[in-house]
Amino acid sequence: MADVCFTPRTMDFLRALAANNTRDWFNENKPVYELDVRQPALAFIDSIAPRLADVSPHFLAIAKKSGGSLMRVYRDTRFSRDKTPYKTNIGIQFRHEQGRDAHAPCYYVHIDPQSVFVGAGMWRPDSRALGKIRDYLVEAGPAWVSARDDVTFQSYFSLSGETLKRAPRGYNSDHPLIEDLKRKDFIAISELSHDDVLDPGFIDTVCERFLAADSYMRFLCKAINVRM
């Protein structure tokens, strides 16, 4: 598939925004944001939609300016010391059809001037979902190890996110999978390059990575009882 959605101008805008992260600058340059960032991102989402259905029909690619797969450029600064108003990255989240927010299983694409990566898994699952994952990890330990240590998965992805310092309540500290049981996030990250973003095969590359995480995502979906 030869769909070139992003251009060097996309990165130019993100760099400029990082250097001028104010409402006045953004409002003055909003037409450039629309042309070089939001429209290419929506085109990417629209183009990847049929390919995502091949990865799983239960994850959604919604090319909408608001309320779809493209995450908001506006930062929530209410509880942050950093009061800069805008995100300086493109975040694209393909949520599960049964998920309502970023804490549901998802596939993710991140683009910023410093890094590009795709992600798969669950970021900060709520306590109920996290308990289900941990319980299923204990119940189906071999299935977890098989998914986590899958050769294709490991060739592309590494597990990321925050972990507890001690065993979570209700789980033995000497459990053989205790380091995984300590996880607060079940996120896998696969690094890409800026050249990948500008390549006509970027969608192919992203979908290849998503498919490499299939066993990992199936484990998480089964743990919280949603379809994969």
C-alpha atoms as a PDB file:
ATOM      1  CA  MET A   1       0.000   0.000   0.000  1.00  0.00           C
ATOM      2  CA  ALA A   2       1.546   3.325  -1.093  1.00  0.00           C
ATOM      3  CA  ASP A   3      -0.161   6.001   0.994  1.00  0.00           C
ATOM      4  CA  VAL A   4       2.067   8.909   1.979  1.00  0.00           C
ATOM      5  CA  CYS A   5       0.100  10.858   4.561  1.00  0.00           C
ATOM      6  CA  PHE A   6       2.783  12.707   6.510  1.00  0.00           C
ATOM      7  CA  THR A   7       5.450  15.019   5.086  1.00  0.00           C
ATOM      8  CA  PRO A   8       8.535  16.796   6.453  1.00  0.00           C
ATOM      9  CA  ARG A   9       6.241  19.765   7.094  1.00  0.00           C
ATOM     10  CA  THR A  10       4.480  17.665   9.745  1.00  0.00           C
ATOM     11  CA  MET A  11       7.678  17.407  11.769  1.00  0.00           C
ATOM     12  CA  ASP A  12       8.505  21.057  11.083  1.00  0.00           C
ATOM     13  CA  PHE A  13       5.239  22.126  12.680  1.00  0.00           C
ATOM     14  CA  LEU A  14       5.694  19.893  15.724  1.00  0.00           C
ATOM     15  CA  ARG A  15       9.204  21.276  16.272  1.00  0.00           C
ATOM     16  CA  ALA A  16       7.945  24.832  15.923  1.00  0.00           C
ATOM     17  CA  LEU A  17       5.122  24.137  18.367  1.00  0.00           C
ATOM     18  CA  ALA A  18       7.590  22.739  20.902  1.00  0.00           C
ATOM     19  CA  ALA A  19       9.555  25.992  20.656  1.00  0.00           C
ATOM     20  CA  ASN A  20       6.452  28.218  20.753  1.00  0.00           C
ATOM     21  CA  ASN A  21       3.974  26.395  22.962  1.00  0.00           C
ATOM     22  CA  THR A  22       1.571  29.272  23.598  1.00  0.00           C
ATOM     23  CA  ARG A  23      -2.060  29.887  22.738  1.00  0.00           C
ATOM     24  CA  ASP A  24      -1.248  33.005  20.746  1.00  0.00           C
ATOM     25  CA  TRP A  25       1.292  31.201  18.556  1.00  0.00           C
ATOM     26  CA  PHE A  26      -0.954  28.176  18.035  1.00  0.00           C
ATOM     27  CA  ASN A  27      -3.994  30.273  17.125  1.00  0.00           C
ATOM     28  CA  GLU A  28      -1.923  32.256  14.651  1.00  0.00           C
ATOM     29  CA  ASN A  29      -0.599  29.049  13.083  1.00  0.00           C
ATOM     30  CA  LYS A  30      -3.727  26.920  13.351  1.00  0.00           C
ATOM     31  CA  PRO A  31      -4.232  26.806   9.549  1.00  0.00           C
ATOM     32  CA  VAL A  32      -0.762  25.252   9.283  1.00  0.00           C
ATOM     33  CA  TYR A  33      -1.673  22.726  11.993  1.00  0.00           C
ATOM     34  CA  GLU A  34      -4.792  21.796  10.045  1.00  0.00           C
ATOM     35  CA  LEU A  35      -2.929  21.407   6.756  1.00  0.00           C
ATOM     36  CA  ASP A  36       0.280  19.738   7.915  1.00  0.00           C
ATOM     37  CA  VAL A  37      -0.775  17.781  11.013  1.00  0.00           C
ATOM     38  CA  ARG A  38      -4.472  17.149  11.493  1.00  0.00           C
ATOM     39  CA  GLN A  39      -5.428  16.484   7.859  1.00  0.00           C
ATOM     40  CA  PRO A  40      -2.509  14.058   7.280  1.00  0.00           C
ATOM     41  CA  ALA A  41      -3.321  12.274  10.547  1.00  0.00           C
ATOM     42  CA  LEU A  42      -6.970  11.883   9.568  1.00  0.00           C
ATOM     43  CA  ALA A  43      -5.913  10.643   6.118  1.00  0.00           C
ATOM     44  CA  PHE A  44      -3.654   8.078   7.802  1.00  0.00           C
ATOM     45  CA  ILE A  45      -6.521   6.866  10.007  1.00  0.00           C
ATOM     46  CA  ASP A  46      -8.844   6.620   7.019  1.00  0.00           C
ATOM     47  CA  SER A  47      -6.248   4.737   4.961  1.00  0.00           C
ATOM     48  CA  ILE A  48      -5.331   2.256   7.692  1.00  0.00           C
ATOM     49  CA  ALA A  49      -8.956   1.415   8.588  1.00  0.00           C
ATOM     50  CA  PRO A  50      -9.398  -1.534   6.180  1.00  0.00           C
ATOM     51  CA  ARG A  51      -5.991  -2.921   7.148  1.00  0.00           C
ATOM     52  CA  LEU A  52      -6.794  -2.615  10.840  1.00  0.00           C
ATOM     53  CA  ALA A  53      -9.880  -4.740  10.244  1.00  0.00           C
ATOM     54  CA  ASP A  54      -7.512  -7.489   9.093  1.00  0.00           C
ATOM     55  CA  VAL A  55      -5.583  -7.189  12.372  1.00  0.00           C
ATOM     56  CA  SER A  56      -8.837  -7.400  14.338  1.00  0.00           C
ATOM     57  CA  PRO A  57     -12.395  -6.352  13.452  1.00  0.00           C
ATOM     58  CA  HIS A  58     -12.935  -5.199  17.037  1.00  0.00           C
ATOM     59  CA  PHE A  59     -10.556  -2.226  17.023  1.00  0.00           C
ATOM     60  CA  LEU A  60     -11.792   1.042  15.590  1.00  0.00           C
ATOM     61  CA  ALA A  61     -10.158   3.491  13.177  1.00  0.00           C
ATOM     62  CA  ILE A  62     -12.339   6.606  13.269  1.00  0.00           C
ATOM     63  CA  ALA A  63     -11.184   9.547  11.139  1.00  0.00           C
ATOM     64  CA  LYS A  64     -12.920  12.387  12.989  1.00  0.00           C
ATOM     65  CA  LYS A  65     -11.520  15.730  14.115  1.00  0.00           C
ATOM     66  CA  SER A  66     -13.005  15.192  17.554  1.00  0.00           C
ATOM     67  CA  GLY A  67     -14.044  12.025  19.352  1.00  0.00           C
ATOM     68  CA  GLY A  68     -12.271   9.658  16.970  1.00  0.00           C
ATOM     69  CA  SER A  69      -8.889   7.954  16.817  1.00  0.00           C
ATOM     70  CA  LEU A  70      -6.871  11.171  16.685  1.00  0.00           C
ATOM     71  CA  MET A  71      -6.086  12.312  20.202  1.00  0.00           C
ATOM     72  CA  ARG A  72      -6.607  15.933  21.193  1.00  0.00           C
ATOM     73  CA  VAL A  73      -3.783  18.418  20.741  1.00  0.00           C
ATOM     74  CA  TYR A  74      -4.875  20.216  23.896  1.00  0.00           C
ATOM     75  CA  ARG A  75      -3.171  19.150  27.131  1.00  0.00           C
ATOM     76  CA  ASP A  76      -5.031  18.661  30.388  1.00  0.00           C
ATOM     77  CA  THR A  77      -2.944  20.870  32.663  1.00  0.00           C
ATOM     78  CA  ARG A  78      -5.191  20.832  35.723  1.00  0.00           C
ATOM     79  CA  PHE A  79      -2.966  18.540  37.784  1.00  0.00           C
ATOM     80  CA  SER A  80       0.358  19.192  36.066  1.00  0.00           C
ATOM     81  CA  ARG A  81       3.186  21.554  36.916  1.00  0.00           C
ATOM     82  CA  ASP A  82       3.779  21.863  33.179  1.00  0.00           C
ATOM     83  CA  LYS A  83       1.202  24.409  32.031  1.00  0.00           C
ATOM     84  CA  THR A  84       2.116  24.446  28.346  1.00  0.00           C
ATOM     85  CA  PRO A  85      -1.250  24.163  26.602  1.00  0.00           C
ATOM     86  CA  TYR A  86      -0.499  21.856  23.651  1.00  0.00           C
ATOM     87  CA  LYS A  87       0.878  18.395  23.005  1.00  0.00           C
ATOM     88  CA  THR A  88       3.869  18.426  20.687  1.00  0.00           C
ATOM     89  CA  ASN A  89       3.207  14.967  19.289  1.00  0.00           C
ATOM     90  CA  ILE A  90       0.629  13.201  17.173  1.00  0.00           C
ATOM     91  CA  GLY A  91      -1.164  10.484  19.112  1.00  0.00           C
ATOM     92  CA  ILE A  92      -3.431   8.075  17.255  1.00  0.00           C
ATOM     93  CA  GLN A  93      -5.321   5.512  19.274  1.00  0.00           C
ATOM     94  CA  PHE A  94      -7.240   2.579  17.809  1.00  0.00           C
ATOM     95  CA  ARG A  95      -9.503   1.633  20.697  1.00  0.00           C
ATOM     96  CA  HIS A  96     -11.389  -1.592  21.250  1.00  0.00           C
ATOM     97  CA  GLU A  97     -15.057  -1.333  20.337  1.00  0.00           C
ATOM     98  CA  GLN A  98     -15.958  -2.023  23.972  1.00  0.00           C
ATOM     99  CA  GLY A  99     -13.530   0.541  25.355  1.00  0.00           C
ATOM    100  CA  ARG A 100     -14.554   4.046  26.310  1.00  0.00           C
ATOM    101  CA  ASP A 101     -11.213   5.681  27.003  1.00  0.00           C
ATOM    102  CA  ALA A 102      -7.439   5.343  26.865  1.00  0.00           C
ATOM    103  CA  HIS A 103      -7.492   2.654  29.563  1.00  0.00           C
ATOM    104  CA  ALA A 104      -9.095   0.050  27.289  1.00  0.00           C
ATOM    105  CA  PRO A 105      -7.053  -2.290  25.067  1.00  0.00           C
ATOM    106  CA  CYS A 106      -5.741  -0.375  22.087  1.00  0.00           C
ATOM    107  CA  TYR A 107      -3.215  -0.095  19.328  1.00  0.00           C
ATOM    108  CA  TYR A 108      -1.393   3.218  19.249  1.00  0.00           C
ATOM    109  CA  VAL A 109       0.811   5.299  16.929  1.00  0.00           C
ATOM    110  CA  HIS A 110       3.006   8.065  18.348  1.00  0.00           C
ATOM    111  CA  ILE A 111       4.867  10.632  16.239  1.00  0.00           C
ATOM    112  CA  ASP A 112       6.971  13.482  17.584  1.00  0.00           C
ATOM    113  CA  PRO A 113      10.248  15.173  16.605  1.00  0.00           C
ATOM    114  CA  GLN A 114      12.220  13.012  19.053  1.00  0.00           C
ATOM    115  CA  SER A 115      10.629   9.586  18.618  1.00  0.00           C
ATOM    116  CA  VAL A 116       8.221   7.463  16.644  1.00  0.00           C
ATOM    117  CA  PHE A 117       6.729   4.269  17.991  1.00  0.00           C
ATOM    118  CA  VAL A 118       3.722   2.013  17.888  1.00  0.00           C
ATOM    119  CA  GLY A 119       2.169   0.563  20.993  1.00  0.00           C
ATOM    120  CA  ALA A 120      -0.145  -2.287  21.880  1.00  0.00           C
ATOM    121  CA  GLY A 121      -1.844  -3.153  25.132  1.00  0.00           C
ATOM    122  CA  MET A 122      -3.451  -1.359  28.049  1.00  0.00           C
ATOM    123  CA  TRP A 123      -2.222   1.831  29.655  1.00  0.00           C
ATOM    124  CA  ARG A 124      -3.270   2.280  33.268  1.00  0.00           C
ATOM    125  CA  PRO A 125      -6.169  -0.200  33.277  1.00  0.00           C
ATOM    126  CA  ASP A 126      -8.647   0.554  36.044  1.00  0.00           C
ATOM    127  CA  SER A 127      -8.458  -1.509  39.218  1.00  0.00           C
ATOM    128  CA  ARG A 128     -11.134  -3.951  38.074  1.00  0.00           C
ATOM    129  CA  ALA A 129      -9.473  -4.640  34.713  1.00  0.00           C
ATOM    130  CA  LEU A 130      -6.016  -4.784  36.280  1.00  0.00           C
ATOM    131  CA  GLY A 131      -7.255  -7.348  38.785  1.00  0.00           C
ATOM    132  CA  LYS A 132      -8.657  -9.457  35.955  1.00  0.00           C
ATOM    133  CA  ILE A 133      -5.353  -9.351  34.097  1.00  0.00           C
ATOM    134  CA  ARG A 134      -3.388 -10.343  37.176  1.00  0.00           C
ATOM    135  CA  ASP A 135      -5.807 -13.135  38.050  1.00  0.00           C
ATOM    136  CA  TYR A 136      -5.687 -14.493  34.510  1.00  0.00           C
ATOM    137  CA  LEU A 137      -1.903 -14.245  34.515  1.00  0.00           C
ATOM    138  CA  VAL A 138      -1.851 -16.506  37.588  1.00  0.00           C
ATOM    139  CA  GLU A 139      -4.470 -18.841  36.109  1.00  0.00           C
ATOM    140  CA  ALA A 140      -2.917 -19.060  32.653  1.00  0.00           C
ATOM    141  CA  GLY A 141       0.759 -18.440  33.326  1.00  0.00           C
ATOM    142  CA  PRO A 142       2.042 -20.564  30.429  1.00  0.00           C
ATOM    143  CA  ALA A 143      -0.210 -18.686  27.982  1.00  0.00           C
ATOM    144  CA  TRP A 144       1.156 -15.378  29.278  1.00  0.00           C
ATOM    145  CA  VAL A 145       4.759 -16.530  28.965  1.00  0.00           C
ATOM    146  CA  SER A 146       4.066 -17.814  25.458  1.00  0.00           C
ATOM    147  CA  ALA A 147       2.598 -14.450  24.418  1.00  0.00           C
ATOM    148  CA  ARG A 148       5.240 -12.368  26.191  1.00  0.00           C
ATOM    149  CA  ASP A 149       8.161 -14.412  24.865  1.00  0.00           C
ATOM    150  CA  ASP A 150       6.836 -14.993  21.354  1.00  0.00           C
ATOM    151  CA  VAL A 151       9.821 -14.664  19.015  1.00  0.00           C
ATOM    152  CA  THR A 152       8.108 -12.359  16.524  1.00  0.00           C
ATOM    153  CA  PHE A 153       6.667 -10.194  19.288  1.00  0.00           C
ATOM    154  CA  GLN A 154      10.024  -9.873  21.016  1.00  0.00           C
ATOM    155  CA  SER A 155      11.794  -9.042  17.774  1.00  0.00           C
ATOM    156  CA  TYR A 156       9.747  -5.846  17.536  1.00  0.00           C
ATOM    157  CA  PHE A 157       8.396  -4.997  20.988  1.00  0.00           C
ATOM    158  CA  SER A 158       9.555  -4.412  24.530  1.00  0.00           C
ATOM    159  CA  LEU A 159       7.280  -4.141  27.550  1.00  0.00           C
ATOM    160  CA  SER A 160       7.028  -0.707  29.102  1.00  0.00           C
ATOM    161  CA  GLY A 161       5.157   1.201  31.785  1.00  0.00           C
ATOM    162  CA  GLU A 162       5.134   1.582  35.554  1.00  0.00           C
ATOM    163  CA  THR A 163       5.417  -1.224  38.074  1.00  0.00           C
ATOM    164  CA  LEU A 164       4.838  -1.609  41.792  1.00  0.00           C
ATOM    165  CA  LYS A 165       7.813  -1.881  44.121  1.00  0.00           C
ATOM    166  CA  ARG A 166       6.183  -4.715  46.067  1.00  0.00           C
ATOM    167  CA  ALA A 167       3.845  -7.571  45.233  1.00  0.00           C
ATOM    168  CA  PRO A 168       0.259  -6.392  44.759  1.00  0.00           C
ATOM    169  CA  ARG A 169      -2.089  -7.240  47.600  1.00  0.00           C
ATOM    170  CA  GLY A 170      -3.398 -10.789  47.370  1.00  0.00           C
ATOM    171  CA  TYR A 171      -0.510 -12.177  45.296  1.00  0.00           C
ATOM    172  CA  ASN A 172       2.448 -14.151  46.615  1.00  0.00           C
ATOM    173  CA  SER A 173       5.740 -12.285  46.493  1.00  0.00           C
ATOM    174  CA  ASP A 174       7.490 -15.523  45.499  1.00  0.00           C
ATOM    175  CA  HIS A 175       5.224 -16.209  42.512  1.00  0.00           C
ATOM    176  CA  PRO A 176       7.420 -17.060  39.492  1.00  0.00           C
ATOM    177  CA  LEU A 177       5.726 -14.288  37.487  1.00  0.00           C
ATOM    178  CA  ILE A 178       5.792 -11.707  40.273  1.00  0.00           C
ATOM    179  CA  GLU A 179       7.617  -9.101  38.176  1.00  0.00           C
ATOM    180  CA  ASP A 180       4.790  -9.221  35.639  1.00  0.00           C
ATOM    181  CA  LEU A 181       2.163  -9.222  38.383  1.00  0.00           C
ATOM    182  CA  LYS A 182       3.678  -5.968  39.651  1.00  0.00           C
ATOM    183  CA  ARG A 183       2.881  -4.235  36.381  1.00  0.00           C
ATOM    184  CA  LYS A 184       0.517  -1.248  36.515  1.00  0.00           C
ATOM    185  CA  ASP A 185       0.626  -0.925  32.722  1.00  0.00           C
ATOM    186  CA  PHE A 186       0.510  -3.706  30.160  1.00  0.00           C
ATOM    187  CA  ILE A 187       1.989  -1.767  27.273  1.00  0.00           C
ATOM    188  CA  ALA A 188       4.343  -3.001  24.568  1.00  0.00           C
ATOM    189  CA  ILE A 189       6.367  -0.475  22.557  1.00  0.00           C
ATOM    190  CA  SER A 190       7.949  -0.898  19.129  1.00  0.00           C
ATOM    191  CA  GLU A 191      10.304   1.867  18.003  1.00  0.00           C
ATOM    192  CA  LEU A 192      10.220   3.235  14.460  1.00  0.00           C
ATOM    193  CA  SER A 193      12.086   6.032  12.697  1.00  0.00           C
ATOM    194  CA  HIS A 194      11.121   9.359  11.179  1.00  0.00           C
ATOM    195  CA  ASP A 195      12.053   7.919   7.787  1.00  0.00           C
ATOM    196  CA  ASP A 196       9.409   5.233   8.343  1.00  0.00           C
ATOM    197  CA  VAL A 197       6.751   7.923   8.827  1.00  0.00           C
ATOM    198  CA  LEU A 198       7.579   9.512   5.467  1.00  0.00           C
ATOM    199  CA  ASP A 199       7.860   6.210   3.612  1.00  0.00           C
ATOM    200  CA  PRO A 200       5.045   5.080   1.280  1.00  0.00           C
ATOM    201  CA  GLY A 201       5.024   1.785   3.190  1.00  0.00           C
ATOM    202  CA  PHE A 202       4.372   3.348   6.604  1.00  0.00           C
ATOM    203  CA  ILE A 203       0.904   1.812   6.897  1.00  0.00           C
ATOM    204  CA  ASP A 204       2.326  -1.594   5.964  1.00  0.00           C
ATOM    205  CA  THR A 205       5.004  -1.210   8.631  1.00  0.00           C
ATOM    206  CA  VAL A 206       2.508  -0.205  11.319  1.00  0.00           C
ATOM    207  CA  CYS A 207       0.179  -3.091  10.498  1.00  0.00           C
ATOM    208  CA  GLU A 208       3.098  -5.525  10.498  1.00  0.00           C
ATOM    209  CA  ARG A 209       3.924  -4.415  14.039  1.00  0.00           C
ATOM    210  CA  PHE A 210       0.294  -4.646  15.132  1.00  0.00           C
ATOM    211  CA  LEU A 211       0.110  -8.202  13.804  1.00  0.00           C
ATOM    212  CA  ALA A 212       3.322  -9.077  15.648  1.00  0.00           C
ATOM    213  CA  ALA A 213       1.510  -8.197  18.888  1.00  0.00           C
ATOM    214  CA  ASP A 214      -1.446 -10.471  18.145  1.00  0.00           C
ATOM    215  CA  SER A 215      -0.773 -13.088  20.837  1.00  0.00           C
ATOM    216  CA  TYR A 216      -0.081 -10.391  23.428  1.00  0.00           C
ATOM    217  CA  MET A 217      -3.315  -8.554  22.630  1.00  0.00           C
ATOM    218  CA  ARG A 218      -5.311 -11.782  22.589  1.00  0.00           C
ATOM    219  CA  PHE A 219      -4.106 -12.573  26.089  1.00  0.00           C
ATOM    220  CA  LEU A 220      -5.155  -9.156  27.407  1.00  0.00           C
ATOM    221  CA  CYS A 221      -8.517  -9.244  25.658  1.00  0.00           C
ATOM    222  CA  LYS A 222      -9.245 -12.710  27.008  1.00  0.00           C
ATOM    223  CA  ALA A 223      -8.204 -11.599  30.494  1.00  0.00           C
ATOM    224  CA  ILE A 224     -10.789  -8.814  30.566  1.00  0.00           C
ATOM    225  CA  ASN A 225     -13.371 -10.798  28.583  1.00  0.00           C
ATOM    226  CA  VAL A 226     -13.593  -8.769  25.369  1.00  0.00           C
ATOM    227  CA  ARG A 227     -13.415 -10.100  21.839  1.00  0.00           C
ATOM    228  CA  MET A 228     -10.250 -10.099  19.769  1.00  0.00           C
END
